Amino acid sequence: MATRQTQSPATIMRAPAIILLLIWMVVPLGMTLYFSFLNYNLLNPANTSWAGFFNYRYFYTDPAFIESIWNTLVLVLGVLLITVVGGIATALLIDQPMFGQGMVRILVISPFFVMPPVAALVWKNMIMNPSYGVFADIANFFGVAPVDWFAQYPLFSIIVIVAWQWLPFATLILLTSLQSLDGEQKEAAEMDGAGVVSRFIYLTLPHMARAITVVILIQTIFLLGVYAEILVTTNGGPGYASTNLVFLIYRAARLNFDIGGGAAGGIIAVVLANFVAIFLMRAVGKNLD
């Protein structure tokens, strides 16, 4: 009876926050949907007209659209592969007893707190620059011609930068899971004669499956919206070689001043992102049950 009496006041107190959040989400999405059906260009806002599904057809039939989808998939899968495999290896390494273990762990996770534009600028000007970057100095030391990474391997370069930023996150989650493994199970496996590789494959890795699932789900959501690293380093080029779906929308709306086309691309991106999320929750999210 007491619970029923407290339900109504609790609902009333929660209502303002819930309504505000709904307005915060629904209004921008509704405006984006509305503008996606308009022929609206910032260079000539007075000549706005109803376009119907023209913006969607134009965006979908744009040759850069398919390339941007492919680049998005390669970017997401490449970063996930590096961060999951590297995160497991790094977590196993820093879990071992060593001098200054606490400081080492802080240094390992510190790149996650660097802002994406700052990280991209550091990699562009100090590490991957073909004239005076760290990689160029190493190549010159061995008598090899330096590589212009952002011109020759633009998408791979962005994958490396983004993976460097997200590797600490994966390491932290996987290290927490690794430390929750029962020590008695390790001792029992050792007493049964299981080697290091066998213990990792049949004991450690299955125990970390839920943590790996969390890393994949969370990172995928954020990696679908990678933008700052591309803008700072390659600007989507050369051509569309490093343009993902988000940056293609930016090109349409900001560089071409085509608000209608950019809004249509945003709606398409939202739909595709939901498909990806549903697929991941069904395929990968089973480990969370």
Protein backbone atom coordinates (compact mmCIF):
# COMPACT_ATOMS: atom_id res chain seq x y z
CA MET A 1 0.00 0.00 0.00
CA ALA A 2 2.88 2.33 0.87
CA THR A 3 4.48 1.58 -2.48
CA ARG A 4 1.31 2.53 -4.35
CA GLN A 5 1.09 5.76 -2.39
CA THR A 6 4.65 6.74 -3.29
CA GLN A 7 4.42 5.85 -6.98
CA SER A 8 2.39 8.90 -8.01
CA PRO A 9 4.59 11.52 -6.27
CA ALA A 10 7.71 9.82 -7.64
CA THR A 11 6.29 9.87 -11.15
CA ILE A 12 5.35 13.54 -10.83
CA MET A 13 8.87 14.44 -9.63
CA ARG A 14 10.51 12.51 -12.47
CA ALA A 15 8.21 13.94 -15.13
CA PRO A 16 9.96 17.33 -15.68
CA ALA A 17 13.35 15.71 -16.27
CA ILE A 18 11.88 13.07 -18.59
CA ILE A 19 9.89 15.65 -20.56
CA LEU A 20 12.97 17.87 -20.90
CA LEU A 21 15.04 14.95 -22.19
CA LEU A 22 12.33 14.00 -24.67
CA ILE A 23 12.15 17.58 -25.95
CA TRP A 24 15.96 17.68 -26.14
CA MET A 25 15.95 14.60 -28.38
CA VAL A 26 12.71 14.86 -30.33
CA VAL A 27 12.87 18.53 -31.39
CA PRO A 28 16.31 18.36 -33.14
CA LEU A 29 15.39 15.04 -34.74
CA GLY A 30 12.06 16.42 -35.91
CA MET A 31 13.70 19.54 -37.36
CA THR A 32 16.29 17.39 -39.14
CA LEU A 33 13.53 15.25 -40.61
CA TYR A 34 11.64 18.36 -41.72
CA PHE A 35 14.66 20.00 -43.38
CA SER A 36 15.51 16.73 -45.15
CA PHE A 37 12.40 17.21 -47.31
CA LEU A 38 13.29 20.79 -48.26
CA ASN A 39 15.43 22.24 -51.01
CA TYR A 40 17.22 24.56 -48.59
CA ASN A 41 20.63 26.09 -49.32
CA LEU A 42 22.25 28.63 -47.03
CA LEU A 43 23.56 30.57 -50.01
CA ASN A 44 20.00 31.21 -51.16
CA PRO A 45 17.68 30.69 -48.17
CA ALA A 46 14.87 32.72 -49.75
CA ASN A 47 14.51 30.19 -52.56
CA THR A 48 13.43 27.34 -50.29
CA SER A 49 10.99 24.80 -51.73
CA TRP A 50 9.56 21.38 -50.99
CA ALA A 51 11.86 18.67 -52.36
CA GLY A 52 10.14 15.49 -51.20
CA PHE A 53 12.47 12.53 -51.31
CA PHE A 54 14.87 14.17 -53.78
CA ASN A 55 17.51 14.81 -51.10
CA TYR A 56 17.42 11.16 -50.06
CA ARG A 57 17.73 9.93 -53.65
CA TYR A 58 20.54 12.39 -54.36
CA PHE A 59 22.43 11.43 -51.21
CA TYR A 60 21.89 7.70 -51.72
CA THR A 61 22.92 7.73 -55.39
CA ASP A 62 26.02 9.86 -54.72
CA PRO A 63 29.08 7.67 -55.58
CA ALA A 64 30.77 9.01 -52.44
CA PHE A 65 27.98 7.53 -50.30
CA ILE A 66 28.98 3.92 -50.91
CA GLU A 67 32.65 4.78 -50.42
CA SER A 68 31.86 6.57 -47.16
CA ILE A 69 29.89 3.56 -45.89
CA TRP A 70 32.82 1.29 -46.73
CA ASN A 71 35.29 3.65 -45.04
CA THR A 72 33.07 3.77 -41.96
CA LEU A 73 32.98 -0.02 -41.72
CA VAL A 74 36.74 -0.33 -42.24
CA LEU A 75 37.38 2.37 -39.64
CA VAL A 76 35.12 0.79 -37.02
CA LEU A 77 36.33 -2.78 -37.58
CA GLY A 78 39.99 -1.73 -37.76
CA VAL A 79 39.83 0.22 -34.51
CA LEU A 80 37.90 -2.58 -32.78
CA LEU A 81 40.45 -5.17 -33.87
CA ILE A 82 43.39 -3.10 -32.63
CA THR A 83 41.79 -2.06 -29.35
CA VAL A 84 40.39 -5.48 -28.40
CA VAL A 85 43.53 -7.45 -29.24
CA GLY A 86 45.83 -4.72 -27.96
CA GLY A 87 43.66 -4.19 -24.87
CA ILE A 88 43.84 -7.87 -23.94
CA ALA A 89 47.62 -7.92 -24.43
CA THR A 90 48.13 -4.68 -22.48
CA ALA A 91 45.82 -5.82 -19.67
CA LEU A 92 47.73 -9.09 -19.33
CA LEU A 93 51.02 -7.18 -19.30
CA ILE A 94 50.22 -4.55 -16.69
CA ASP A 95 48.47 -7.14 -14.49
CA GLN A 96 51.86 -8.70 -13.82
CA PRO A 97 53.75 -7.60 -10.68
CA MET A 98 56.25 -4.87 -11.56
CA PHE A 99 57.97 -1.87 -10.05
CA GLY A 100 55.79 1.25 -10.20
CA GLN A 101 52.73 -0.69 -11.31
CA GLY A 102 50.32 2.06 -10.28
CA MET A 103 52.19 4.72 -12.27
CA VAL A 104 52.37 2.42 -15.30
CA ARG A 105 48.61 1.93 -15.24
CA ILE A 106 48.01 5.68 -15.04
CA LEU A 107 50.31 6.28 -18.02
CA VAL A 108 48.59 3.54 -20.03
CA ILE A 109 45.11 5.03 -19.63
CA SER A 110 46.20 8.68 -19.97
CA PRO A 111 45.71 8.92 -23.80
CA PHE A 112 41.97 8.41 -23.28
CA PHE A 113 41.75 11.85 -21.63
CA VAL A 114 43.35 13.69 -24.56
CA MET A 115 40.84 15.58 -26.70
CA PRO A 116 40.47 14.09 -30.21
CA PRO A 117 41.53 17.26 -32.10
CA VAL A 118 44.60 17.60 -29.88
CA ALA A 119 45.54 13.95 -30.36
CA ALA A 120 45.09 14.26 -34.12
CA LEU A 121 47.30 17.37 -34.24
CA VAL A 122 50.02 15.65 -32.23
CA TRP A 123 50.03 12.64 -34.52
CA LYS A 124 49.89 14.80 -37.64
CA ASN A 125 52.65 17.27 -36.76
CA MET A 126 54.92 15.41 -34.35
CA ILE A 127 54.69 11.72 -35.24
CA MET A 128 53.50 11.15 -38.81
CA ASN A 129 54.82 14.29 -40.49
CA PRO A 130 56.96 13.15 -43.48
CA SER A 131 59.54 15.92 -42.91
CA TYR A 132 60.17 16.20 -39.18
CA GLY A 133 57.95 13.59 -37.53
CA VAL A 134 59.14 10.77 -35.31
CA PHE A 135 58.46 8.15 -37.99
CA ALA A 136 60.38 10.22 -40.54
CA ASP A 137 63.38 10.41 -38.19
CA ILE A 138 63.30 6.65 -37.71
CA ALA A 139 63.11 6.09 -41.48
CA ASN A 140 66.01 8.47 -42.10
CA PHE A 141 68.07 6.73 -39.42
CA PHE A 142 67.74 3.42 -41.27
CA GLY A 143 68.26 5.07 -44.67
CA VAL A 144 64.66 4.55 -45.84
CA ALA A 145 62.51 7.16 -47.55
CA PRO A 146 59.92 8.60 -45.11
CA VAL A 147 56.29 7.79 -45.74
CA ASP A 148 53.70 10.51 -46.21
CA TRP A 149 51.12 8.68 -44.15
CA PHE A 150 48.14 10.97 -44.65
CA ALA A 151 48.65 11.11 -48.41
CA GLN A 152 49.51 7.46 -49.07
CA TYR A 153 47.60 5.67 -46.27
CA PRO A 154 44.99 8.19 -45.08
CA LEU A 155 42.37 5.81 -43.70
CA PHE A 156 44.97 3.59 -42.02
CA SER A 157 46.51 6.67 -40.39
CA ILE A 158 43.16 7.71 -38.95
CA ILE A 159 42.55 4.17 -37.70
CA VAL A 160 45.89 4.29 -35.85
CA ILE A 161 45.08 7.65 -34.26
CA VAL A 162 41.58 6.64 -33.16
CA ALA A 163 42.82 3.25 -31.90
CA TRP A 164 45.52 5.01 -29.85
CA GLN A 165 42.79 7.04 -28.18
CA TRP A 166 40.46 4.10 -27.46
CA LEU A 167 43.07 1.51 -26.47
CA PRO A 168 43.21 2.80 -22.85
CA PHE A 169 39.44 2.45 -22.51
CA ALA A 170 39.54 -1.16 -23.69
CA THR A 171 42.55 -1.87 -21.48
CA LEU A 172 40.82 -0.49 -18.39
CA ILE A 173 37.65 -2.52 -18.91
CA LEU A 174 39.55 -5.71 -19.74
CA LEU A 175 41.99 -5.26 -16.85
CA THR A 176 39.06 -4.96 -14.43
CA SER A 177 37.61 -8.18 -15.82
CA LEU A 178 40.99 -9.91 -15.65
CA GLN A 179 41.45 -8.98 -11.99
CA SER A 180 38.04 -10.43 -11.12
CA LEU A 181 39.17 -13.90 -12.22
CA ASP A 182 39.26 -16.23 -9.22
CA GLY A 183 42.82 -17.11 -8.24
CA GLU A 184 41.75 -20.59 -7.15
CA GLN A 185 40.72 -21.37 -10.70
CA LYS A 186 44.18 -20.39 -11.93
CA GLU A 187 45.84 -22.54 -9.30
CA ALA A 188 43.57 -25.48 -10.14
CA ALA A 189 44.42 -25.16 -13.84
CA GLU A 190 48.15 -25.05 -13.05
CA MET A 191 47.87 -28.12 -10.84
CA ASP A 192 46.09 -29.96 -13.65
CA GLY A 193 49.10 -29.26 -15.88
CA ALA A 194 47.56 -26.57 -18.11
CA GLY A 195 50.16 -24.40 -19.80
CA VAL A 196 50.12 -20.62 -20.21
CA VAL A 197 48.44 -20.77 -23.63
CA SER A 198 45.84 -23.31 -22.51
CA ARG A 199 44.97 -21.29 -19.41
CA PHE A 200 44.53 -18.20 -21.56
CA ILE A 201 42.34 -19.90 -24.20
CA TYR A 202 40.14 -22.00 -21.94
CA LEU A 203 40.06 -19.95 -18.73
CA THR A 204 41.06 -16.30 -19.11
CA LEU A 205 39.50 -15.54 -22.49
CA PRO A 206 36.04 -17.01 -21.71
CA HIS A 207 36.06 -15.10 -18.41
CA MET A 208 36.73 -11.84 -20.31
CA ALA A 209 33.97 -12.46 -22.88
CA ARG A 210 31.46 -10.14 -21.17
CA ALA A 211 34.05 -7.36 -20.87
CA ILE A 212 35.00 -7.75 -24.53
CA THR A 213 31.31 -7.49 -25.43
CA VAL A 214 30.98 -4.25 -23.45
CA VAL A 215 34.05 -2.81 -25.18
CA ILE A 216 32.70 -3.68 -28.63
CA LEU A 217 29.22 -2.27 -27.95
CA ILE A 218 30.35 1.02 -26.42
CA GLN A 219 33.18 1.68 -28.87
CA THR A 220 31.06 0.92 -31.93
CA ILE A 221 28.51 3.54 -30.90
CA PHE A 222 31.19 6.22 -30.63
CA LEU A 223 33.29 5.09 -33.60
CA LEU A 224 30.35 5.53 -35.96
CA GLY A 225 30.62 9.26 -35.26
CA VAL A 226 34.37 9.81 -35.73
CA TYR A 227 34.78 13.29 -37.14
CA ALA A 228 37.41 15.50 -35.49
CA GLU A 229 40.37 13.26 -36.38
CA ILE A 230 39.40 13.32 -40.06
CA LEU A 231 38.83 17.07 -40.12
CA VAL A 232 42.18 17.87 -38.50
CA THR A 233 44.34 15.45 -40.50
CA THR A 234 43.08 14.58 -43.99
CA ASN A 235 39.88 16.62 -44.37
CA GLY A 236 38.34 13.51 -45.90
CA GLY A 237 40.94 13.19 -48.66
CA PRO A 238 42.69 12.54 -50.84
CA GLY A 239 39.39 12.64 -52.71
CA TYR A 240 37.04 10.57 -50.57
CA ALA A 241 39.69 8.05 -49.44
CA SER A 242 39.22 8.87 -45.74
CA THR A 243 35.66 10.21 -45.78
CA ASN A 244 33.27 8.36 -43.51
CA LEU A 245 29.50 8.85 -43.41
CA VAL A 246 29.61 11.57 -40.75
CA PHE A 247 32.21 13.59 -42.63
CA LEU A 248 30.23 13.20 -45.87
CA ILE A 249 27.25 14.77 -44.11
CA TYR A 250 29.54 17.56 -42.90
CA ARG A 251 30.70 18.19 -46.45
CA ALA A 252 27.14 18.45 -47.71
CA ALA A 253 25.84 20.70 -44.94
CA ARG A 254 28.83 22.83 -44.01
CA LEU A 255 31.03 23.01 -47.09
CA ASN A 256 28.32 22.92 -49.76
CA PHE A 257 25.77 24.80 -47.60
CA ASP A 258 23.17 22.18 -48.58
CA ILE A 259 21.11 21.90 -45.41
CA GLY A 260 18.49 19.69 -47.03
CA GLY A 261 21.04 17.18 -48.31
CA GLY A 262 22.92 17.21 -45.02
CA ALA A 263 19.69 16.63 -43.07
CA ALA A 264 18.79 13.71 -45.35
CA GLY A 265 22.23 12.24 -44.79
CA GLY A 266 21.76 12.67 -41.04
CA ILE A 267 18.48 10.74 -41.10
CA ILE A 268 20.11 7.99 -43.17
CA ALA A 269 22.99 7.86 -40.67
CA VAL A 270 20.53 7.54 -37.75
CA VAL A 271 18.71 4.66 -39.47
CA LEU A 272 21.96 2.84 -40.29
CA ALA A 273 23.27 3.37 -36.76
CA ASN A 274 20.11 1.82 -35.33
CA PHE A 275 20.47 -1.18 -37.63
CA VAL A 276 24.05 -1.64 -36.44
CA ALA A 277 22.99 -1.29 -32.79
CA ILE A 278 20.21 -3.86 -33.18
CA PHE A 279 22.57 -6.28 -34.94
CA LEU A 280 25.20 -5.90 -32.22
CA MET A 281 22.71 -6.35 -29.41
CA ARG A 282 21.42 -9.54 -31.01
CA ALA A 283 24.75 -10.99 -32.14
CA VAL A 284 27.19 -9.80 -29.51
CA GLY A 285 24.91 -8.80 -26.67
CA LYS A 286 24.05 -12.43 -25.89
CA ASN A 287 27.15 -12.54 -23.70
CA LEU A 288 25.50 -10.02 -21.39
CA ASP A 289 22.60 -12.35 -20.56
